[in-house]
PDB file of all heavy atoms in Angstrom:
ATOM      1  N   ASP A   1      -0.824  13.054 -59.683  1.00  0.00           N
ATOM      2  CA  ASP A   1      -2.276  12.892 -59.447  1.00  0.00           C
ATOM      3  C   ASP A   1      -2.731  12.927 -58.023  1.00  0.00           C
ATOM      4  O   ASP A   1      -3.810  13.412 -57.732  1.00  0.00           O
ATOM      5  CB  ASP A   1      -2.676  11.471 -60.061  1.00  0.00           C
ATOM      6  CG  ASP A   1      -2.565  11.521 -61.584  1.00  0.00           C
ATOM      7  OD1 ASP A   1      -2.490  12.533 -62.215  1.00  0.00           O
ATOM      8  OD2 ASP A   1      -2.485  10.417 -62.163  1.00  0.00           O
ATOM      9  N   MET A   2      -1.778  12.592 -57.082  1.00  0.00           N
ATOM     10  CA  MET A   2      -2.104  12.753 -55.703  1.00  0.00           C
ATOM     11  C   MET A   2      -2.223  14.260 -55.322  1.00  0.00           C
ATOM     12  O   MET A   2      -3.047  14.601 -54.428  1.00  0.00           O
ATOM     13  CB  MET A   2      -1.116  11.956 -54.829  1.00  0.00           C
ATOM     14  CG  MET A   2      -1.277  10.445 -54.948  1.00  0.00           C
ATOM     15  SD  MET A   2      -2.924   9.821 -54.447  1.00  0.00           S
ATOM     16  CE  MET A   2      -3.611   9.572 -56.097  1.00  0.00           C
ATOM     17  N   LYS A   3      -1.333  15.038 -55.929  1.00  0.00           N
ATOM     18  CA  LYS A   3      -1.463  16.515 -55.687  1.00  0.00           C
ATOM     19  C   LYS A   3      -2.761  17.059 -56.231  1.00  0.00           C
ATOM     20  O   LYS A   3      -3.477  17.759 -55.489  1.00  0.00           O
ATOM     21  CB  LYS A   3      -0.319  17.155 -56.377  1.00  0.00           C
ATOM     22  CG  LYS A   3      -0.323  18.734 -56.216  1.00  0.00           C
ATOM     23  CD  LYS A   3       0.904  19.375 -56.903  1.00  0.00           C
ATOM     24  CE  LYS A   3       0.869  20.879 -56.716  1.00  0.00           C
ATOM     25  NZ  LYS A   3       2.071  21.545 -57.349  1.00  0.00           N
ATOM     26  N   HIS A   4      -3.151  16.594 -57.316  1.00  0.00           N
ATOM     27  CA  HIS A   4      -4.409  16.974 -57.926  1.00  0.00           C
ATOM     28  C   HIS A   4      -5.620  16.526 -57.056  1.00  0.00           C
ATOM     29  O   HIS A   4      -6.543  17.274 -56.804  1.00  0.00           O
ATOM     30  CB  HIS A   4      -4.554  16.263 -59.341  1.00  0.00           C
ATOM     31  CG  HIS A   4      -5.636  16.848 -60.192  1.00  0.00           C
ATOM     32  ND1 HIS A   4      -5.660  16.671 -61.572  1.00  0.00           N
ATOM     33  CD2 HIS A   4      -6.765  17.576 -59.954  1.00  0.00           C
ATOM     34  CE1 HIS A   4      -6.726  17.335 -62.058  1.00  0.00           C
ATOM     35  NE2 HIS A   4      -7.435  17.774 -61.103  1.00  0.00           N
ATOM     36  N   LEU A   5      -5.500  15.300 -56.602  1.00  0.00           N
ATOM     37  CA  LEU A   5      -6.610  14.788 -55.693  1.00  0.00           C
ATOM     38  C   LEU A   5      -6.695  15.594 -54.487  1.00  0.00           C
ATOM     39  O   LEU A   5      -7.834  15.965 -54.012  1.00  0.00           O
ATOM     40  CB  LEU A   5      -6.259  13.312 -55.311  1.00  0.00           C
ATOM     41  CG  LEU A   5      -7.260  12.546 -54.606  1.00  0.00           C
ATOM     42  CD1 LEU A   5      -8.374  11.985 -55.533  1.00  0.00           C
ATOM     43  CD2 LEU A   5      -6.757  11.440 -53.790  1.00  0.00           C
ATOM     44  N   ALA A   6      -5.571  15.941 -53.853  1.00  0.00           N
ATOM     45  CA  ALA A   6      -5.585  16.768 -52.582  1.00  0.00           C
ATOM     46  C   ALA A   6      -6.151  18.116 -52.799  1.00  0.00           C
ATOM     47  O   ALA A   6      -6.834  18.639 -51.970  1.00  0.00           O
ATOM     48  CB  ALA A   6      -4.160  16.863 -52.053  1.00  0.00           C
ATOM     49  N   GLN A   7      -5.878  18.687 -53.999  1.00  0.00           N
ATOM     50  CA  GLN A   7      -6.455  20.006 -54.268  1.00  0.00           C
ATOM     51  C   GLN A   7      -7.921  20.019 -54.558  1.00  0.00           C
ATOM     52  O   GLN A   7      -8.549  21.044 -54.270  1.00  0.00           O
ATOM     53  CB  GLN A   7      -5.627  20.624 -55.528  1.00  0.00           C
ATOM     54  CG  GLN A   7      -4.244  20.916 -55.195  1.00  0.00           C
ATOM     55  CD  GLN A   7      -3.420  21.269 -56.442  1.00  0.00           C
ATOM     56  OE1 GLN A   7      -3.777  20.965 -57.549  1.00  0.00           O
ATOM     57  NE2 GLN A   7      -2.255  21.933 -56.206  1.00  0.00           N
ATOM     58  N   ILE A   8      -8.439  18.919 -54.924  1.00  0.00           N
ATOM     59  CA  ILE A   8      -9.938  18.827 -55.086  1.00  0.00           C
ATOM     60  C   ILE A   8     -10.584  18.580 -53.755  1.00  0.00           C
ATOM     61  O   ILE A   8     -11.549  19.213 -53.456  1.00  0.00           O
ATOM     62  CB  ILE A   8     -10.234  17.678 -56.053  1.00  0.00           C
ATOM     63  CG1 ILE A   8      -9.789  17.967 -57.483  1.00  0.00           C
ATOM     64  CG2 ILE A   8     -11.727  17.284 -55.990  1.00  0.00           C
ATOM     65  CD1 ILE A   8      -9.959  16.763 -58.453  1.00  0.00           C
ATOM     66  N   PHE A   9     -10.072  17.666 -52.948  1.00  0.00           N
ATOM     67  CA  PHE A   9     -10.765  17.176 -51.795  1.00  0.00           C
ATOM     68  C   PHE A   9     -10.331  17.897 -50.431  1.00  0.00           C
ATOM     69  O   PHE A   9     -11.008  17.711 -49.396  1.00  0.00           O
ATOM     70  CB  PHE A   9     -10.584  15.665 -51.615  1.00  0.00           C
ATOM     71  CG  PHE A   9     -11.366  14.814 -52.574  1.00  0.00           C
ATOM     72  CD1 PHE A   9     -10.792  14.438 -53.761  1.00  0.00           C
ATOM     73  CD2 PHE A   9     -12.689  14.419 -52.260  1.00  0.00           C
ATOM     74  CE1 PHE A   9     -11.579  13.689 -54.697  1.00  0.00           C
ATOM     75  CE2 PHE A   9     -13.442  13.720 -53.178  1.00  0.00           C
ATOM     76  CZ  PHE A   9     -12.899  13.297 -54.379  1.00  0.00           C
ATOM     77  N   GLY A  10      -9.219  18.635 -50.490  1.00  0.00           N
ATOM     78  CA  GLY A  10      -8.664  19.197 -49.280  1.00  0.00           C
ATOM     79  C   GLY A  10      -9.677  20.261 -48.752  1.00  0.00           C
ATOM     80  O   GLY A  10     -10.339  20.976 -49.502  1.00  0.00           O
ATOM     81  N   GLY A  11      -9.719  20.396 -47.383  1.00  0.00           N
ATOM     82  CA  GLY A  11     -10.510  21.335 -46.722  1.00  0.00           C
ATOM     83  C   GLY A  11      -9.795  22.098 -45.673  1.00  0.00           C
ATOM     84  O   GLY A  11      -8.583  21.964 -45.536  1.00  0.00           O
ATOM     85  N   ALA A  12     -10.473  22.827 -44.824  1.00  0.00           N
ATOM     86  CA  ALA A  12      -9.882  23.628 -43.788  1.00  0.00           C
ATOM     87  C   ALA A  12      -9.303  22.681 -42.667  1.00  0.00           C
ATOM     88  O   ALA A  12      -9.888  21.660 -42.372  1.00  0.00           O
ATOM     89  CB  ALA A  12     -10.840  24.611 -43.179  1.00  0.00           C
ATOM     90  N   ARG A  13      -8.154  23.086 -42.076  1.00  0.00           N
ATOM     91  CA  ARG A  13      -7.545  22.339 -41.094  1.00  0.00           C
ATOM     92  C   ARG A  13      -8.460  22.159 -39.830  1.00  0.00           C
ATOM     93  O   ARG A  13      -8.451  21.004 -39.201  1.00  0.00           O
ATOM     94  CB  ARG A  13      -6.280  23.012 -40.658  1.00  0.00           C
ATOM     95  CG  ARG A  13      -5.362  22.191 -39.636  1.00  0.00           C
ATOM     96  CD  ARG A  13      -4.164  22.949 -39.185  1.00  0.00           C
ATOM     97  NE  ARG A  13      -3.400  23.359 -40.418  1.00  0.00           N
ATOM     98  CZ  ARG A  13      -2.489  22.542 -40.999  1.00  0.00           C
ATOM     99  NH1 ARG A  13      -2.305  21.380 -40.589  1.00  0.00           N
ATOM    100  NH2 ARG A  13      -1.829  23.156 -42.071  1.00  0.00           N
ATOM    101  N   THR A  14      -9.263  23.060 -39.660  1.00  0.00           N
ATOM    102  CA  THR A  14     -10.227  22.988 -38.462  1.00  0.00           C
ATOM    103  C   THR A  14     -11.540  22.448 -38.764  1.00  0.00           C
ATOM    104  O   THR A  14     -12.420  22.303 -37.871  1.00  0.00           O
ATOM    105  CB  THR A  14     -10.381  24.420 -37.866  1.00  0.00           C
ATOM    106  OG1 THR A  14     -10.949  25.303 -38.913  1.00  0.00           O
ATOM    107  CG2 THR A  14      -9.136  24.948 -37.319  1.00  0.00           C
ATOM    108  N   GLY A  15     -11.785  22.048 -40.028  1.00  0.00           N
ATOM    109  CA  GLY A  15     -13.006  21.482 -40.441  1.00  0.00           C
ATOM    110  C   GLY A  15     -13.050  19.936 -40.380  1.00  0.00           C
ATOM    111  O   GLY A  15     -12.110  19.334 -39.830  1.00  0.00           O
ATOM    112  N   PRO A  16     -14.035  19.258 -40.977  1.00  0.00           N
ATOM    113  CA  PRO A  16     -14.113  17.832 -41.006  1.00  0.00           C
ATOM    114  C   PRO A  16     -12.901  17.233 -41.677  1.00  0.00           C
ATOM    115  O   PRO A  16     -12.391  17.879 -42.632  1.00  0.00           O
ATOM    116  CB  PRO A  16     -15.450  17.490 -41.714  1.00  0.00           C
ATOM    117  CG  PRO A  16     -16.271  18.760 -41.533  1.00  0.00           C
ATOM    118  CD  PRO A  16     -15.238  19.880 -41.536  1.00  0.00           C
ATOM    119  N   PRO A  17     -12.520  16.067 -41.377  1.00  0.00           N
ATOM    120  CA  PRO A  17     -11.331  15.432 -41.933  1.00  0.00           C
ATOM    121  C   PRO A  17     -11.537  14.883 -43.356  1.00  0.00           C
ATOM    122  O   PRO A  17     -12.604  14.650 -43.753  1.00  0.00           O
ATOM    123  CB  PRO A  17     -11.011  14.270 -40.890  1.00  0.00           C
ATOM    124  CG  PRO A  17     -12.285  13.967 -40.359  1.00  0.00           C
ATOM    125  CD  PRO A  17     -13.009  15.213 -40.268  1.00  0.00           C
ATOM    126  N   PHE A  18     -10.355  14.860 -44.035  1.00  0.00           N
ATOM    127  CA  PHE A  18     -10.272  14.191 -45.347  1.00  0.00           C
ATOM    128  C   PHE A  18      -9.404  12.954 -45.241  1.00  0.00           C
ATOM    129  O   PHE A  18      -8.204  13.164 -44.969  1.00  0.00           O
ATOM    130  CB  PHE A  18      -9.672  15.201 -46.372  1.00  0.00           C
ATOM    131  CG  PHE A  18      -9.227  14.664 -47.668  1.00  0.00           C
ATOM    132  CD1 PHE A  18      -9.824  13.601 -48.319  1.00  0.00           C
ATOM    133  CD2 PHE A  18      -8.056  15.263 -48.260  1.00  0.00           C
ATOM    134  CE1 PHE A  18      -9.422  13.035 -49.498  1.00  0.00           C
ATOM    135  CE2 PHE A  18      -7.602  14.784 -49.538  1.00  0.00           C
ATOM    136  CZ  PHE A  18      -8.257  13.701 -50.081  1.00  0.00           C
ATOM    137  N   TYR A  19      -9.986  11.755 -45.223  1.00  0.00           N
ATOM    138  CA  TYR A  19      -9.237  10.517 -45.081  1.00  0.00           C
ATOM    139  C   TYR A  19      -8.908   9.952 -46.466  1.00  0.00           C
ATOM    140  O   TYR A  19      -9.728   9.976 -47.380  1.00  0.00           O
ATOM    141  CB  TYR A  19     -10.155   9.534 -44.313  1.00  0.00           C
ATOM    142  CG  TYR A  19     -10.433   9.865 -42.902  1.00  0.00           C
ATOM    143  CD1 TYR A  19     -11.792  10.209 -42.573  1.00  0.00           C
ATOM    144  CD2 TYR A  19      -9.475   9.977 -41.896  1.00  0.00           C
ATOM    145  CE1 TYR A  19     -12.103  10.598 -41.252  1.00  0.00           C
ATOM    146  CE2 TYR A  19      -9.773  10.357 -40.645  1.00  0.00           C
ATOM    147  CZ  TYR A  19     -11.081  10.628 -40.298  1.00  0.00           C
ATOM    148  OH  TYR A  19     -11.414  10.896 -39.024  1.00  0.00           O
ATOM    149  N   VAL A  20      -7.720   9.416 -46.531  1.00  0.00           N
ATOM    150  CA  VAL A  20      -7.256   8.785 -47.829  1.00  0.00           C
ATOM    151  C   VAL A  20      -6.729   7.378 -47.470  1.00  0.00           C
ATOM    152  O   VAL A  20      -5.891   7.217 -46.605  1.00  0.00           O
ATOM    153  CB  VAL A  20      -6.112   9.545 -48.529  1.00  0.00           C
ATOM    154  CG1 VAL A  20      -5.679   8.849 -49.830  1.00  0.00           C
ATOM    155  CG2 VAL A  20      -6.644  10.949 -48.818  1.00  0.00           C
ATOM    156  N   THR A  21      -7.291   6.386 -48.115  1.00  0.00           N
ATOM    157  CA  THR A  21      -6.786   4.976 -48.055  1.00  0.00           C
ATOM    158  C   THR A  21      -5.990   4.739 -49.327  1.00  0.00           C
ATOM    159  O   THR A  21      -6.605   4.636 -50.418  1.00  0.00           O
ATOM    160  CB  THR A  21      -7.910   3.947 -47.938  1.00  0.00           C
ATOM    161  OG1 THR A  21      -8.650   4.219 -46.686  1.00  0.00           O
ATOM    162  CG2 THR A  21      -7.407   2.566 -47.914  1.00  0.00           C
ATOM    163  N   LEU A  22      -4.650   4.803 -49.225  1.00  0.00           N
ATOM    164  CA  LEU A  22      -3.836   4.567 -50.437  1.00  0.00           C
ATOM    165  C   LEU A  22      -3.599   3.080 -50.703  1.00  0.00           C
ATOM    166  O   LEU A  22      -3.465   2.310 -49.800  1.00  0.00           O
ATOM    167  CB  LEU A  22      -2.456   5.248 -50.251  1.00  0.00           C
ATOM    168  CG  LEU A  22      -2.410   6.771 -50.466  1.00  0.00           C
ATOM    169  CD1 LEU A  22      -0.930   7.228 -50.188  1.00  0.00           C
ATOM    170  CD2 LEU A  22      -2.833   7.216 -51.874  1.00  0.00           C
ATOM    171  N   PHE A  23      -3.528   2.737 -52.029  1.00  0.00           N
ATOM    172  CA  PHE A  23      -3.103   1.428 -52.437  1.00  0.00           C
ATOM    173  C   PHE A  23      -3.934   0.279 -51.791  1.00  0.00           C
ATOM    174  O   PHE A  23      -3.410  -0.754 -51.387  1.00  0.00           O
ATOM    175  CB  PHE A  23      -1.625   1.138 -52.224  1.00  0.00           C
ATOM    176  CG  PHE A  23      -0.619   2.187 -52.718  1.00  0.00           C
ATOM    177  CD1 PHE A  23       0.401   2.643 -51.956  1.00  0.00           C
ATOM    178  CD2 PHE A  23      -0.850   2.734 -53.944  1.00  0.00           C
ATOM    179  CE1 PHE A  23       1.323   3.600 -52.449  1.00  0.00           C
ATOM    180  CE2 PHE A  23       0.005   3.692 -54.418  1.00  0.00           C
ATOM    181  CZ  PHE A  23       1.118   4.109 -53.685  1.00  0.00           C
ATOM    182  N   THR A  24      -5.261   0.448 -51.797  1.00  0.00           N
ATOM    183  CA  THR A  24      -6.055  -0.594 -51.140  1.00  0.00           C
ATOM    184  C   THR A  24      -5.866  -1.946 -51.827  1.00  0.00           C
ATOM    185  O   THR A  24      -5.716  -2.027 -53.011  1.00  0.00           O
ATOM    186  CB  THR A  24      -7.582  -0.164 -51.139  1.00  0.00           C
ATOM    187  OG1 THR A  24      -8.273  -1.104 -50.250  1.00  0.00           O
ATOM    188  CG2 THR A  24      -8.238  -0.280 -52.489  1.00  0.00           C
ATOM    189  N   GLU A  25      -5.713  -3.002 -51.025  1.00  0.00           N
ATOM    190  CA  GLU A  25      -5.450  -4.311 -51.483  1.00  0.00           C
ATOM    191  C   GLU A  25      -4.071  -4.336 -52.256  1.00  0.00           C
ATOM    192  O   GLU A  25      -3.919  -5.138 -53.127  1.00  0.00           O
ATOM    193  CB  GLU A  25      -6.561  -4.853 -52.416  1.00  0.00           C
ATOM    194  CG  GLU A  25      -7.914  -4.874 -51.775  1.00  0.00           C
ATOM    195  CD  GLU A  25      -9.010  -5.374 -52.655  1.00  0.00           C
ATOM    196  OE1 GLU A  25      -8.873  -5.505 -53.920  1.00  0.00           O
ATOM    197  OE2 GLU A  25     -10.164  -5.579 -52.125  1.00  0.00           O
ATOM    198  N   PHE A  26      -3.195  -3.570 -51.738  1.00  0.00           N
ATOM    199  CA  PHE A  26      -1.848  -3.422 -52.397  1.00  0.00           C
ATOM    200  C   PHE A  26      -1.113  -4.818 -52.546  1.00  0.00           C
ATOM    201  O   PHE A  26      -0.200  -4.945 -53.447  1.00  0.00           O
ATOM    202  CB  PHE A  26      -0.962  -2.431 -51.626  1.00  0.00           C
ATOM    203  CG  PHE A  26      -0.534  -2.926 -50.285  1.00  0.00           C
ATOM    204  CD1 PHE A  26       0.692  -3.667 -50.181  1.00  0.00           C
ATOM    205  CD2 PHE A  26      -1.248  -2.646 -49.182  1.00  0.00           C
ATOM    206  CE1 PHE A  26       1.102  -4.111 -48.935  1.00  0.00           C
ATOM    207  CE2 PHE A  26      -0.831  -3.110 -47.943  1.00  0.00           C
ATOM    208  CZ  PHE A  26       0.304  -3.816 -47.767  1.00  0.00           C
ATOM    209  N   SER A  27      -1.388  -5.762 -51.728  1.00  0.00           N
ATOM    210  CA  SER A  27      -0.757  -7.044 -51.871  1.00  0.00           C
ATOM    211  C   SER A  27      -1.057  -7.846 -53.097  1.00  0.00           C
ATOM    212  O   SER A  27      -0.546  -8.838 -53.402  1.00  0.00           O
ATOM    213  CB  SER A  27      -0.922  -7.882 -50.596  1.00  0.00           C
ATOM    214  OG  SER A  27      -2.222  -8.195 -50.372  1.00  0.00           O
ATOM    215  N   THR A  28      -1.995  -7.254 -53.903  1.00  0.00           N
ATOM    216  CA  THR A  28      -2.358  -7.909 -55.185  1.00  0.00           C
ATOM    217  C   THR A  28      -1.753  -7.136 -56.334  1.00  0.00           C
ATOM    218  O   THR A  28      -1.927  -7.455 -57.449  1.00  0.00           O
ATOM    219  CB  THR A  28      -3.956  -7.951 -55.369  1.00  0.00           C
ATOM    220  OG1 THR A  28      -4.407  -6.555 -55.479  1.00  0.00           O
ATOM    221  CG2 THR A  28      -4.647  -8.709 -54.276  1.00  0.00           C
ATOM    222  N   TYR A  29      -0.990  -6.158 -56.034  1.00  0.00           N
ATOM    223  CA  TYR A  29      -0.318  -5.352 -57.187  1.00  0.00           C
ATOM    224  C   TYR A  29       0.841  -6.009 -57.771  1.00  0.00           C
ATOM    225  O   TYR A  29       1.041  -5.876 -58.957  1.00  0.00           O
ATOM    226  CB  TYR A  29       0.082  -3.950 -56.618  1.00  0.00           C
ATOM    227  CG  TYR A  29      -1.008  -3.020 -56.189  1.00  0.00           C
ATOM    228  CD1 TYR A  29      -2.374  -3.432 -56.169  1.00  0.00           C
ATOM    229  CD2 TYR A  29      -0.759  -1.715 -55.854  1.00  0.00           C
ATOM    230  CE1 TYR A  29      -3.359  -2.543 -55.729  1.00  0.00           C
ATOM    231  CE2 TYR A  29      -1.789  -0.782 -55.439  1.00  0.00           C
ATOM    232  CZ  TYR A  29      -3.102  -1.307 -55.433  1.00  0.00           C
ATOM    233  OH  TYR A  29      -4.126  -0.432 -55.033  1.00  0.00           O
ATOM    234  N   PRO A  30       1.718  -6.724 -57.023  1.00  0.00           N
ATOM    235  CA  PRO A  30       2.746  -7.451 -57.706  1.00  0.00           C
ATOM    236  C   PRO A  30       2.258  -8.624 -58.514  1.00  0.00           C
ATOM    237  O   PRO A  30       1.077  -9.051 -58.419  1.00  0.00           O
ATOM    238  CB  PRO A  30       3.663  -7.961 -56.538  1.00  0.00           C
ATOM    239  CG  PRO A  30       3.174  -7.228 -55.320  1.00  0.00           C
ATOM    240  CD  PRO A  30       1.727  -6.922 -55.578  1.00  0.00           C
ATOM    241  N   CYS A  31       3.117  -9.153 -59.383  1.00  0.00           N
ATOM    242  CA  CYS A  31       2.753 -10.236 -60.293  1.00  0.00           C
ATOM    243  C   CYS A  31       2.481 -11.507 -59.453  1.00  0.00           C
ATOM    244  O   CYS A  31       1.633 -12.359 -59.776  1.00  0.00           O
ATOM    245  CB  CYS A  31       3.841 -10.534 -61.290  1.00  0.00           C
ATOM    246  SG  CYS A  31       3.965  -9.201 -62.490  1.00  0.00           S
ATOM    247  N   VAL A  32       3.136 -11.717 -58.234  1.00  0.00           N
ATOM    248  CA  VAL A  32       2.881 -12.752 -57.298  1.00  0.00           C
ATOM    249  C   VAL A  32       2.206 -12.110 -56.116  1.00  0.00           C
ATOM    250  O   VAL A  32       2.795 -11.217 -55.411  1.00  0.00           O
ATOM    251  CB  VAL A  32       4.075 -13.493 -56.953  1.00  0.00           C
ATOM    252  CG1 VAL A  32       3.765 -14.589 -55.840  1.00  0.00           C
ATOM    253  CG2 VAL A  32       4.741 -14.150 -58.141  1.00  0.00           C
ATOM    254  N   ASP A  33       0.988 -12.503 -55.812  1.00  0.00           N
ATOM    255  CA  ASP A  33       0.206 -11.804 -54.802  1.00  0.00           C
ATOM    256  C   ASP A  33       0.675 -12.234 -53.412  1.00  0.00           C
ATOM    257  O   ASP A  33       0.972 -13.402 -53.187  1.00  0.00           O
ATOM    258  CB  ASP A  33      -1.226 -12.077 -54.959  1.00  0.00           C
ATOM    259  CG  ASP A  33      -1.942 -11.469 -56.173  1.00  0.00           C
ATOM    260  OD1 ASP A  33      -1.238 -10.709 -56.855  1.00  0.00           O
ATOM    261  OD2 ASP A  33      -2.992 -11.898 -56.503  1.00  0.00           O
ATOM    262  N   ASN A  34       0.500 -11.317 -52.481  1.00  0.00           N
ATOM    263  CA  ASN A  34       0.478 -11.607 -51.010  1.00  0.00           C
ATOM    264  C   ASN A  34       1.697 -12.253 -50.366  1.00  0.00           C
ATOM    265  O   ASN A  34       1.725 -12.810 -49.327  1.00  0.00           O
ATOM    266  CB  ASN A  34      -0.706 -12.597 -50.718  1.00  0.00           C
ATOM    267  CG  ASN A  34      -2.006 -12.064 -51.131  1.00  0.00           C
ATOM    268  OD1 ASN A  34      -2.415 -10.868 -50.839  1.00  0.00           O
ATOM    269  ND2 ASN A  34      -2.759 -12.793 -51.871  1.00  0.00           N
ATOM    270  N   GLU A  35       2.922 -12.121 -51.115  1.00  0.00           N
ATOM    271  CA  GLU A  35       4.189 -12.747 -50.566  1.00  0.00           C
ATOM    272  C   GLU A  35       5.300 -11.698 -50.654  1.00  0.00           C
ATOM    273  O   GLU A  35       5.674 -11.266 -51.834  1.00  0.00           O
ATOM    274  CB  GLU A  35       4.535 -13.999 -51.404  1.00  0.00           C
ATOM    275  CG  GLU A  35       3.561 -15.069 -51.227  1.00  0.00           C
ATOM    276  CD  GLU A  35       3.993 -16.334 -52.073  1.00  0.00           C
ATOM    277  OE1 GLU A  35       5.044 -16.307 -52.746  1.00  0.00           O
ATOM    278  OE2 GLU A  35       3.195 -17.304 -52.107  1.00  0.00           O
TER     279      GLU A  35
END
């Protein structure tokens, strides 16, 4: 899916940037948060 995402949003190397914030709030993903 990240490959798919990049193929949709990717642009020219010399053009405006494409920023990706991966796994936002990732410390809530485990069953016990933030530890």
